[in-house]
C-alpha atoms as a PDB file:
ATOM      1  CA  MET A   1     -55.377-100.232 -50.637  1.00  0.00           C
ATOM      2  CA  ALA A   2     -54.164 -97.478 -48.362  1.00  0.00           C
ATOM      3  CA  ASN A   3     -56.547 -94.675 -47.507  1.00  0.00           C
ATOM      4  CA  THR A   4     -56.088 -92.025 -50.181  1.00  0.00           C
ATOM      5  CA  GLY A   5     -58.370 -89.438 -48.636  1.00  0.00           C
ATOM      6  CA  THR A   6     -60.694 -89.673 -51.607  1.00  0.00           C
ATOM      7  CA  LEU A   7     -64.193 -88.382 -50.891  1.00  0.00           C
ATOM      8  CA  ILE A   8     -67.442 -89.836 -52.166  1.00  0.00           C
ATOM      9  CA  SER A   9     -69.271 -86.851 -53.557  1.00  0.00           C
ATOM     10  CA  THR A  10     -72.798 -85.889 -52.628  1.00  0.00           C
ATOM     11  CA  LEU A  11     -74.199 -83.571 -55.241  1.00  0.00           C
ATOM     12  CA  SER A  12     -76.472 -80.769 -54.167  1.00  0.00           C
ATOM     13  CA  ASP A  13     -80.010 -80.511 -55.514  1.00  0.00           C
ATOM     14  CA  GLN A  14     -78.888 -77.408 -57.415  1.00  0.00           C
ATOM     15  CA  GLU A  15     -76.035 -79.301 -59.072  1.00  0.00           C
ATOM     16  CA  VAL A  16     -78.323 -82.132 -60.133  1.00  0.00           C
ATOM     17  CA  GLU A  17     -80.804 -79.626 -61.561  1.00  0.00           C
ATOM     18  CA  ARG A  18     -78.038 -77.739 -63.374  1.00  0.00           C
ATOM     19  CA  TYR A  19     -76.776 -80.965 -64.954  1.00  0.00           C
ATOM     20  CA  HIS A  20     -80.199 -81.907 -66.266  1.00  0.00           C
ATOM     21  CA  ASN A  21     -80.893 -78.367 -67.505  1.00  0.00           C
ATOM     22  CA  ASP A  22     -77.534 -77.683 -69.160  1.00  0.00           C
ATOM     23  CA  GLY A  23     -76.467 -81.199 -70.087  1.00  0.00           C
ATOM     24  CA  PHE A  24     -73.143 -80.829 -68.263  1.00  0.00           C
ATOM     25  CA  LEU A  25     -71.786 -80.048 -64.815  1.00  0.00           C
ATOM     26  CA  LEU A  26     -68.449 -78.622 -63.711  1.00  0.00           C
ATOM     27  CA  LEU A  27     -67.389 -79.890 -60.280  1.00  0.00           C
ATOM     28  CA  ASP A  28     -64.329 -77.755 -59.670  1.00  0.00           C
ATOM     29  CA  ARG A  29     -63.710 -78.800 -56.091  1.00  0.00           C
ATOM     30  CA  PRO A  30     -61.457 -81.437 -54.467  1.00  0.00           C
ATOM     31  CA  LEU A  31     -63.391 -84.682 -54.901  1.00  0.00           C
ATOM     32  CA  ILE A  32     -60.339 -86.869 -55.554  1.00  0.00           C
ATOM     33  CA  SER A  33     -57.103 -86.863 -53.596  1.00  0.00           C
ATOM     34  CA  PRO A  34     -53.700 -86.189 -55.187  1.00  0.00           C
ATOM     35  CA  GLU A  35     -52.639 -89.710 -54.149  1.00  0.00           C
ATOM     36  CA  ALA A  36     -55.523 -91.339 -56.006  1.00  0.00           C
ATOM     37  CA  LEU A  37     -54.841 -89.251 -59.109  1.00  0.00           C
ATOM     38  CA  GLN A  38     -51.168 -90.171 -58.988  1.00  0.00           C
ATOM     39  CA  GLU A  39     -52.012 -93.879 -58.878  1.00  0.00           C
ATOM     40  CA  VAL A  40     -54.168 -93.517 -61.988  1.00  0.00           C
ATOM     41  CA  ARG A  41     -51.561 -91.405 -63.732  1.00  0.00           C
ATOM     42  CA  GLU A  42     -48.854 -94.009 -63.148  1.00  0.00           C
ATOM     43  CA  GLN A  43     -51.029 -96.736 -64.670  1.00  0.00           C
ATOM     44  CA  LEU A  44     -51.962 -94.622 -67.694  1.00  0.00           C
ATOM     45  CA  ASP A  45     -48.463 -93.245 -68.248  1.00  0.00           C
ATOM     46  CA  ARG A  46     -47.245 -96.820 -68.574  1.00  0.00           C
ATOM     47  CA  LEU A  47     -49.824 -97.529 -71.274  1.00  0.00           C
ATOM     48  CA  PHE A  48     -48.953 -94.402 -73.226  1.00  0.00           C
ATOM     49  CA  ASP A  49     -45.247 -95.223 -72.918  1.00  0.00           C
ATOM     50  CA  HIS A  50     -46.140 -98.408 -74.875  1.00  0.00           C
ATOM     51  CA  PHE A  51     -48.603 -96.639 -77.189  1.00  0.00           C
ATOM     52  CA  ALA A  52     -46.840 -97.740 -80.393  1.00  0.00           C
ATOM     53  CA  ARG A  53     -47.016-101.386 -79.275  1.00  0.00           C
ATOM     54  CA  LEU A  54     -50.756-101.428 -78.650  1.00  0.00           C
ATOM     55  CA  VAL A  55     -52.994-102.907 -81.314  1.00  0.00           C
ATOM     56  CA  PRO A  56     -55.170-100.398 -83.243  1.00  0.00           C
ATOM     57  CA  ARG A  57     -58.261-101.571 -81.380  1.00  0.00           C
ATOM     58  CA  TYR A  58     -56.866 -99.954 -78.240  1.00  0.00           C
ATOM     59  CA  ALA A  59     -54.718 -97.108 -79.576  1.00  0.00           C
ATOM     60  CA  ARG A  60     -55.652 -94.377 -82.022  1.00  0.00           C
ATOM     61  CA  ASP A  61     -55.110 -90.722 -82.822  1.00  0.00           C
ATOM     62  CA  LEU A  62     -58.158 -88.494 -82.349  1.00  0.00           C
ATOM     63  CA  ALA A  63     -56.692 -85.657 -84.397  1.00  0.00           C
ATOM     64  CA  PRO A  64     -58.393 -85.052 -87.766  1.00  0.00           C
ATOM     65  CA  GLY A  65     -56.085 -85.913 -90.657  1.00  0.00           C
ATOM     66  CA  ALA A  66     -54.021 -88.377 -88.624  1.00  0.00           C
ATOM     67  CA  ARG A  67     -51.949 -90.867 -90.604  1.00  0.00           C
ATOM     68  CA  PRO A  68     -50.311 -94.163 -89.611  1.00  0.00           C
ATOM     69  CA  GLY A  69     -46.634 -93.804 -88.802  1.00  0.00           C
ATOM     70  CA  GLU A  70     -46.940 -90.177 -87.716  1.00  0.00           C
ATOM     71  CA  ALA A  71     -46.492 -89.096 -84.110  1.00  0.00           C
ATOM     72  CA  PRO A  72     -50.023 -88.943 -82.651  1.00  0.00           C
ATOM     73  CA  ARG A  73     -51.258 -85.446 -81.866  1.00  0.00           C
ATOM     74  CA  ILE A  74     -54.156 -86.605 -79.682  1.00  0.00           C
ATOM     75  CA  PRO A  75     -53.275 -90.169 -78.618  1.00  0.00           C
ATOM     76  CA  GLU A  76     -56.168 -92.123 -77.117  1.00  0.00           C
ATOM     77  CA  VAL A  77     -56.161 -95.506 -75.396  1.00  0.00           C
ATOM     78  CA  ASP A  78     -59.485 -97.350 -75.410  1.00  0.00           C
ATOM     79  CA  PHE A  79     -60.481 -99.462 -72.408  1.00  0.00           C
ATOM     80  CA  PRO A  80     -57.373 -98.747 -70.302  1.00  0.00           C
ATOM     81  CA  SER A  81     -59.124-100.493 -67.408  1.00  0.00           C
ATOM     82  CA  LYS A  82     -58.842-103.741 -69.409  1.00  0.00           C
ATOM     83  CA  LEU A  83     -55.160-103.192 -70.131  1.00  0.00           C
ATOM     84  CA  ALA A  84     -54.363-102.017 -66.593  1.00  0.00           C
ATOM     85  CA  PRO A  85     -56.848-103.835 -64.293  1.00  0.00           C
ATOM     86  CA  LYS A  86     -55.635-101.941 -61.200  1.00  0.00           C
ATOM     87  CA  LEU A  87     -57.673 -99.004 -62.475  1.00  0.00           C
ATOM     88  CA  MET A  88     -60.831-100.924 -61.586  1.00  0.00           C
ATOM     89  CA  SER A  89     -59.927-100.750 -57.888  1.00  0.00           C
ATOM     90  CA  SER A  90     -59.069 -97.055 -58.001  1.00  0.00           C
ATOM     91  CA  PRO A  91     -60.930 -94.748 -55.585  1.00  0.00           C
ATOM     92  CA  VAL A  92     -61.457 -92.531 -58.640  1.00  0.00           C
ATOM     93  CA  LEU A  93     -63.894 -95.106 -60.019  1.00  0.00           C
ATOM     94  CA  SER A  94     -65.806 -95.113 -56.714  1.00  0.00           C
ATOM     95  CA  VAL A  95     -66.243 -91.340 -56.826  1.00  0.00           C
ATOM     96  CA  CYS A  96     -67.332 -91.334 -60.453  1.00  0.00           C
ATOM     97  CA  THR A  97     -69.767 -94.207 -59.900  1.00  0.00           C
ATOM     98  CA  SER A  98     -71.312 -92.298 -57.002  1.00  0.00           C
ATOM     99  CA  VAL A  99     -71.746 -89.189 -59.155  1.00  0.00           C
ATOM    100  CA  ALA A 100     -73.204 -91.185 -62.063  1.00  0.00           C
ATOM    101  CA  ARG A 101     -75.748 -92.881 -59.798  1.00  0.00           C
ATOM    102  CA  GLN A 102     -76.838 -89.594 -58.265  1.00  0.00           C
ATOM    103  CA  LEU A 103     -77.544 -88.296 -61.766  1.00  0.00           C
ATOM    104  CA  HIS A 104     -78.834 -91.404 -63.566  1.00  0.00           C
ATOM    105  CA  GLY A 105     -80.032 -93.812 -60.912  1.00  0.00           C
ATOM    106  CA  ARG A 106     -78.762 -96.774 -58.925  1.00  0.00           C
ATOM    107  CA  PHE A 107     -78.155 -99.000 -61.956  1.00  0.00           C
ATOM    108  CA  ALA A 108     -75.484 -96.684 -63.399  1.00  0.00           C
ATOM    109  CA  ARG A 109     -72.332 -98.709 -64.077  1.00  0.00           C
ATOM    110  CA  LEU A 110     -69.115 -98.308 -65.997  1.00  0.00           C
ATOM    111  CA  THR A 111     -69.582 -99.477 -69.583  1.00  0.00           C
ATOM    112  CA  TYR A 112     -66.653 -97.832 -71.359  1.00  0.00           C
ATOM    113  CA  ASP A 113     -63.514 -95.901 -70.472  1.00  0.00           C
ATOM    114  CA  HIS A 114     -60.728 -94.269 -72.414  1.00  0.00           C
ATOM    115  CA  ALA A 115     -57.726 -92.076 -71.719  1.00  0.00           C
ATOM    116  CA  ILE A 116     -56.627 -89.125 -73.835  1.00  0.00           C
ATOM    117  CA  TYR A 117     -53.242 -87.440 -73.633  1.00  0.00           C
ATOM    118  CA  LYS A 118     -52.828 -84.180 -75.501  1.00  0.00           C
ATOM    119  CA  PRO A 119     -49.119 -83.281 -75.932  1.00  0.00           C
ATOM    120  CA  PRO A 120     -47.931 -79.712 -75.245  1.00  0.00           C
ATOM    121  CA  LEU A 121     -47.831 -76.894 -77.795  1.00  0.00           C
ATOM    122  CA  ASN A 122     -50.359 -78.847 -79.794  1.00  0.00           C
ATOM    123  CA  GLU A 123     -52.795 -77.035 -82.074  1.00  0.00           C
ATOM    124  CA  ALA A 124     -55.005 -80.070 -82.675  1.00  0.00           C
ATOM    125  CA  ALA A 125     -58.519 -79.726 -81.260  1.00  0.00           C
ATOM    126  CA  THR A 126     -60.837 -82.644 -80.551  1.00  0.00           C
ATOM    127  CA  PRO A 127     -63.794 -82.368 -82.978  1.00  0.00           C
ATOM    128  CA  TRP A 128     -67.230 -81.374 -81.745  1.00  0.00           C
ATOM    129  CA  HIS A 129     -69.423 -84.428 -81.243  1.00  0.00           C
ATOM    130  CA  GLN A 130     -71.949 -86.221 -79.067  1.00  0.00           C
ATOM    131  CA  ASP A 131     -70.827 -89.431 -77.390  1.00  0.00           C
ATOM    132  CA  ALA A 132     -74.165 -90.962 -78.364  1.00  0.00           C
ATOM    133  CA  ALA A 133     -73.085 -90.802 -82.023  1.00  0.00           C
ATOM    134  CA  TYR A 134     -70.548 -93.548 -81.253  1.00  0.00           C
ATOM    135  CA  ALA A 135     -72.830 -95.753 -79.154  1.00  0.00           C
ATOM    136  CA  GLN A 136     -75.867 -97.972 -79.465  1.00  0.00           C
ATOM    137  CA  PRO A 137     -79.131 -96.466 -78.125  1.00  0.00           C
ATOM    138  CA  GLY A 138     -79.284 -96.830 -74.353  1.00  0.00           C
ATOM    139  CA  GLU A 139     -75.677 -98.024 -74.093  1.00  0.00           C
ATOM    140  CA  LEU A 140     -74.336 -94.840 -72.490  1.00  0.00           C
ATOM    141  CA  SER A 141     -75.880 -92.190 -70.250  1.00  0.00           C
ATOM    142  CA  VAL A 142     -73.187 -89.966 -68.770  1.00  0.00           C
ATOM    143  CA  GLY A 143     -69.488 -89.268 -69.314  1.00  0.00           C
ATOM    144  CA  ILE A 144     -67.160 -88.163 -66.509  1.00  0.00           C
ATOM    145  CA  TRP A 145     -63.921 -86.401 -67.439  1.00  0.00           C
ATOM    146  CA  VAL A 146     -61.198 -86.896 -64.820  1.00  0.00           C
ATOM    147  CA  PRO A 147     -58.285 -84.438 -65.203  1.00  0.00           C
ATOM    148  CA  LEU A 148     -54.976 -85.748 -63.869  1.00  0.00           C
ATOM    149  CA  GLN A 149     -53.610 -82.206 -63.497  1.00  0.00           C
ATOM    150  CA  ASP A 150     -55.015 -78.684 -63.606  1.00  0.00           C
ATOM    151  CA  VAL A 151     -56.588 -77.975 -67.005  1.00  0.00           C
ATOM    152  CA  PRO A 152     -56.918 -74.261 -67.743  1.00  0.00           C
ATOM    153  CA  ALA A 153     -58.636 -73.126 -70.934  1.00  0.00           C
ATOM    154  CA  GLU A 154     -55.356 -72.863 -72.847  1.00  0.00           C
ATOM    155  CA  SER A 155     -54.502 -76.515 -72.122  1.00  0.00           C
ATOM    156  CA  GLY A 156     -57.560 -77.915 -73.888  1.00  0.00           C
ATOM    157  CA  CYS A 157     -60.372 -77.954 -71.343  1.00  0.00           C
ATOM    158  CA  MET A 158     -63.839 -79.328 -72.053  1.00  0.00           C
ATOM    159  CA  ARG A 159     -66.279 -77.113 -73.972  1.00  0.00           C
ATOM    160  CA  PHE A 160     -70.035 -77.621 -74.211  1.00  0.00           C
ATOM    161  CA  VAL A 161     -73.090 -76.255 -75.997  1.00  0.00           C
ATOM    162  CA  PRO A 162     -75.573 -75.799 -73.125  1.00  0.00           C
ATOM    163  CA  GLY A 163     -78.931 -77.468 -73.622  1.00  0.00           C
ATOM    164  CA  SER A 164     -77.844 -79.345 -76.755  1.00  0.00           C
ATOM    165  CA  HIS A 165     -78.747 -82.665 -75.095  1.00  0.00           C
ATOM    166  CA  ARG A 166     -82.416 -81.762 -75.556  1.00  0.00           C
ATOM    167  CA  SER A 167     -82.155 -81.309 -79.343  1.00  0.00           C
ATOM    168  CA  GLY A 168     -81.653 -84.918 -80.355  1.00  0.00           C
ATOM    169  CA  LEU A 169     -78.733 -86.417 -82.217  1.00  0.00           C
ATOM    170  CA  ALA A 170     -76.970 -83.859 -84.403  1.00  0.00           C
ATOM    171  CA  ASP A 171     -75.740 -84.617 -87.906  1.00  0.00           C
ATOM    172  CA  HIS A 172     -72.236 -86.034 -87.707  1.00  0.00           C
ATOM    173  CA  SER A 173     -69.855 -86.336 -90.651  1.00  0.00           C
ATOM    174  CA  GLN A 174     -67.023 -88.799 -91.012  1.00  0.00           C
ATOM    175  CA  LEU A 175     -63.757 -86.860 -90.761  1.00  0.00           C
ATOM    176  CA  ALA A 176     -60.657 -87.573 -92.778  1.00  0.00           C
ATOM    177  CA  SER A 177     -58.345 -89.752 -90.712  1.00  0.00           C
ATOM    178  CA  GLU A 178     -56.342 -92.720 -91.970  1.00  0.00           C
ATOM    179  CA  SER A 179     -55.489 -93.682 -88.388  1.00  0.00           C
ATOM    180  CA  ASN A 180     -59.065 -93.457 -87.091  1.00  0.00           C
ATOM    181  CA  PRO A 181     -61.608 -94.072 -89.877  1.00  0.00           C
ATOM    182  CA  SER A 182     -64.524 -93.923 -87.404  1.00  0.00           C
ATOM    183  CA  LEU A 183     -63.747 -90.328 -86.372  1.00  0.00           C
ATOM    184  CA  LEU A 184     -66.883 -88.149 -86.418  1.00  0.00           C
ATOM    185  CA  GLY A 185     -67.507 -84.432 -86.162  1.00  0.00           C
ATOM    186  CA  ALA A 186     -70.518 -82.113 -85.975  1.00  0.00           C
ATOM    187  CA  GLU A 187     -70.991 -78.497 -87.057  1.00  0.00           C
ATOM    188  CA  VAL A 188     -71.406 -76.205 -84.041  1.00  0.00           C
ATOM    189  CA  ASP A 189     -71.896 -72.497 -83.452  1.00  0.00           C
ATOM    190  CA  GLU A 190     -68.965 -72.010 -81.100  1.00  0.00           C
ATOM    191  CA  SER A 191     -70.254 -68.609 -79.981  1.00  0.00           C
ATOM    192  CA  ALA A 192     -72.709 -70.520 -77.771  1.00  0.00           C
ATOM    193  CA  ALA A 193     -70.025 -72.765 -76.250  1.00  0.00           C
ATOM    194  CA  VAL A 194     -69.061 -72.698 -72.577  1.00  0.00           C
ATOM    195  CA  ALA A 195     -65.500 -73.568 -71.530  1.00  0.00           C
ATOM    196  CA  CYS A 196     -64.942 -75.569 -68.324  1.00  0.00           C
ATOM    197  CA  PRO A 197     -61.393 -75.145 -66.977  1.00  0.00           C
ATOM    198  CA  VAL A 198     -60.956 -77.450 -63.998  1.00  0.00           C
ATOM    199  CA  ARG A 199     -58.405 -78.121 -61.291  1.00  0.00           C
ATOM    200  CA  ALA A 200     -56.932 -81.530 -60.480  1.00  0.00           C
ATOM    201  CA  GLY A 201     -59.239 -83.324 -58.076  1.00  0.00           C
ATOM    202  CA  GLY A 202     -62.360 -81.977 -59.751  1.00  0.00           C
ATOM    203  CA  LEU A 203     -64.570 -83.509 -62.429  1.00  0.00           C
ATOM    204  CA  VAL A 204     -66.418 -82.466 -65.563  1.00  0.00           C
ATOM    205  CA  VAL A 205     -69.638 -84.397 -66.148  1.00  0.00           C
ATOM    206  CA  HIS A 206     -71.768 -84.449 -69.284  1.00  0.00           C
ATOM    207  CA  ASN A 207     -74.802 -86.140 -70.776  1.00  0.00           C
ATOM    208  CA  VAL A 208     -73.869 -88.316 -73.756  1.00  0.00           C
ATOM    209  CA  MET A 209     -76.263 -86.258 -75.915  1.00  0.00           C
ATOM    210  CA  THR A 210     -74.474 -82.986 -75.125  1.00  0.00           C
ATOM    211  CA  LEU A 211     -72.311 -81.504 -77.876  1.00  0.00           C
ATOM    212  CA  HIS A 212     -68.762 -81.101 -76.623  1.00  0.00           C
ATOM    213  CA  SER A 213     -65.164 -80.662 -77.691  1.00  0.00           C
ATOM    214  CA  THR A 214     -61.762 -79.820 -76.270  1.00  0.00           C
ATOM    215  CA  GLY A 215     -59.500 -77.124 -77.620  1.00  0.00           C
ATOM    216  CA  PRO A 216     -55.812 -77.317 -78.529  1.00  0.00           C
ATOM    217  CA  ASN A 217     -53.234 -77.722 -75.778  1.00  0.00           C
ATOM    218  CA  LEU A 218     -51.166 -74.562 -76.007  1.00  0.00           C
ATOM    219  CA  GLY A 219     -49.587 -75.174 -72.600  1.00  0.00           C
ATOM    220  CA  ALA A 220     -46.090 -76.420 -71.859  1.00  0.00           C
ATOM    221  CA  SER A 221     -47.042 -79.843 -70.455  1.00  0.00           C
ATOM    222  CA  THR A 222     -49.088 -82.847 -71.549  1.00  0.00           C
ATOM    223  CA  ARG A 223     -52.788 -82.690 -70.692  1.00  0.00           C
ATOM    224  CA  ARG A 224     -53.781 -86.066 -69.247  1.00  0.00           C
ATOM    225  CA  VAL A 225     -57.388 -87.201 -68.675  1.00  0.00           C
ATOM    226  CA  TRP A 226     -59.206 -90.430 -67.891  1.00  0.00           C
ATOM    227  CA  VAL A 227     -62.779 -90.499 -69.215  1.00  0.00           C
ATOM    228  CA  LEU A 228     -65.357 -92.844 -67.669  1.00  0.00           C
ATOM    229  CA  ASN A 229     -68.670 -93.497 -69.400  1.00  0.00           C
ATOM    230  CA  PHE A 230     -71.609 -95.006 -67.556  1.00  0.00           C
ATOM    231  CA  GLY A 231     -74.755 -96.722 -68.770  1.00  0.00           C
ATOM    232  CA  SER A 232     -77.857 -96.762 -66.603  1.00  0.00           C
ATOM    233  CA  GLN A 233     -79.484-100.051 -67.654  1.00  0.00           C
ATOM    234  CA  PRO A 234     -79.398-103.052 -65.280  1.00  0.00           C
ATOM    235  CA  LEU A 235     -76.685-105.576 -66.141  1.00  0.00           C
ATOM    236  CA  PRO A 236     -78.185-108.748 -67.718  1.00  0.00           C
ATOM    237  CA  PRO A 237     -77.260-111.896 -65.725  1.00  0.00           C
ATOM    238  CA  ALA A 238     -75.617-113.515 -68.759  1.00  0.00           C
ATOM    239  CA  THR A 239     -73.226-110.583 -68.974  1.00  0.00           C
ATOM    240  CA  LEU A 240     -71.697-111.402 -65.588  1.00  0.00           C
ATOM    241  CA  ARG A 241     -69.997-114.473 -67.043  1.00  0.00           C
ATOM    242  CA  SER A 242     -68.575-112.457 -69.947  1.00  0.00           C
ATOM    243  CA  ARG A 243     -67.219-109.881 -67.485  1.00  0.00           C
ATOM    244  CA  LEU A 244     -65.224-112.642 -65.778  1.00  0.00           C
ATOM    245  CA  TYR A 245     -63.741-113.669 -69.131  1.00  0.00           C
ATOM    246  CA  GLU A 246     -62.898-110.015 -69.827  1.00  0.00           C
ATOM    247  CA  LEU A 247     -61.134-109.711 -66.484  1.00  0.00           C
ATOM    248  CA  ARG A 248     -59.032-112.797 -67.211  1.00  0.00           C
ATOM    249  CA  ALA A 249     -58.125-111.394 -70.635  1.00  0.00           C
ATOM    250  CA  ALA A 250     -57.228-108.056 -69.040  1.00  0.00           C
ATOM    251  CA  ILE A 251     -54.804-109.754 -66.664  1.00  0.00           C
ATOM    252  CA  ILE A 252     -53.116-111.496 -69.604  1.00  0.00           C
ATOM    253  CA  ARG A 253     -52.831-108.215 -71.533  1.00  0.00           C
ATOM    254  CA  ALA A 254     -51.380-106.443 -68.501  1.00  0.00           C
ATOM    255  CA  TRP A 255     -48.757-109.174 -68.224  1.00  0.00           C
ATOM    256  CA  LEU A 256     -47.830-108.677 -71.884  1.00  0.00           C
ATOM    257  CA  LEU A 257     -47.288-104.958 -71.204  1.00  0.00           C
ATOM    258  CA  ARG A 258     -44.869-105.569 -68.381  1.00  0.00           C
ATOM    259  CA  PRO A 259     -41.545-103.676 -68.703  1.00  0.00           C
END
């Protein structure tokens, strides 16, 4: 791969402390080159162009009240790195892995990724939740939100409740959604929320126990993000074999999505 100019981030002691105190960290500085972001965007755009053809396991609508057959208001693709294996060699993954390991130790590794596109002039907000509500205990540690363009507040930036990662798992209710029956939401006092607008090339990092949401996209263009979640447990040896099978399956799926 050609040199993209992507930098491996070294977090300051103050940034590490802020993350552990607040449960999130805004890194609004150029950590990822425009070239690397463009490579990711091209891979993800291709998946979303075929969104209607993806099986429900990989494609869903995160908007409350979503119904099958309707145009998705918050389309999400699960495990895009399995559907587009080139993402696994992206410099973006190297940067995010470096950040995750600085925050959660040397065993931090990618365990789950998803991409969320929020169309323009879209009043649908992503419900407040904790990522841990969707995962098995110990499965996830940190989520890294990679914006593929500038995300000002009005475009649906990340919002957090500072310190909520220290209060345990909040009560989550199942939200009405025919398209996504596993959709969860939590009640939050939004007066305590902190918005994190971020420029392309930066990152927004959060503990999986931190309450977070994104607002509606009231801007004129689609808000595109790739979200990488890392676990911090060592990988069991038996899992290595299954990862090889997953890679082979990913190559087959990518071939099926060819133009």
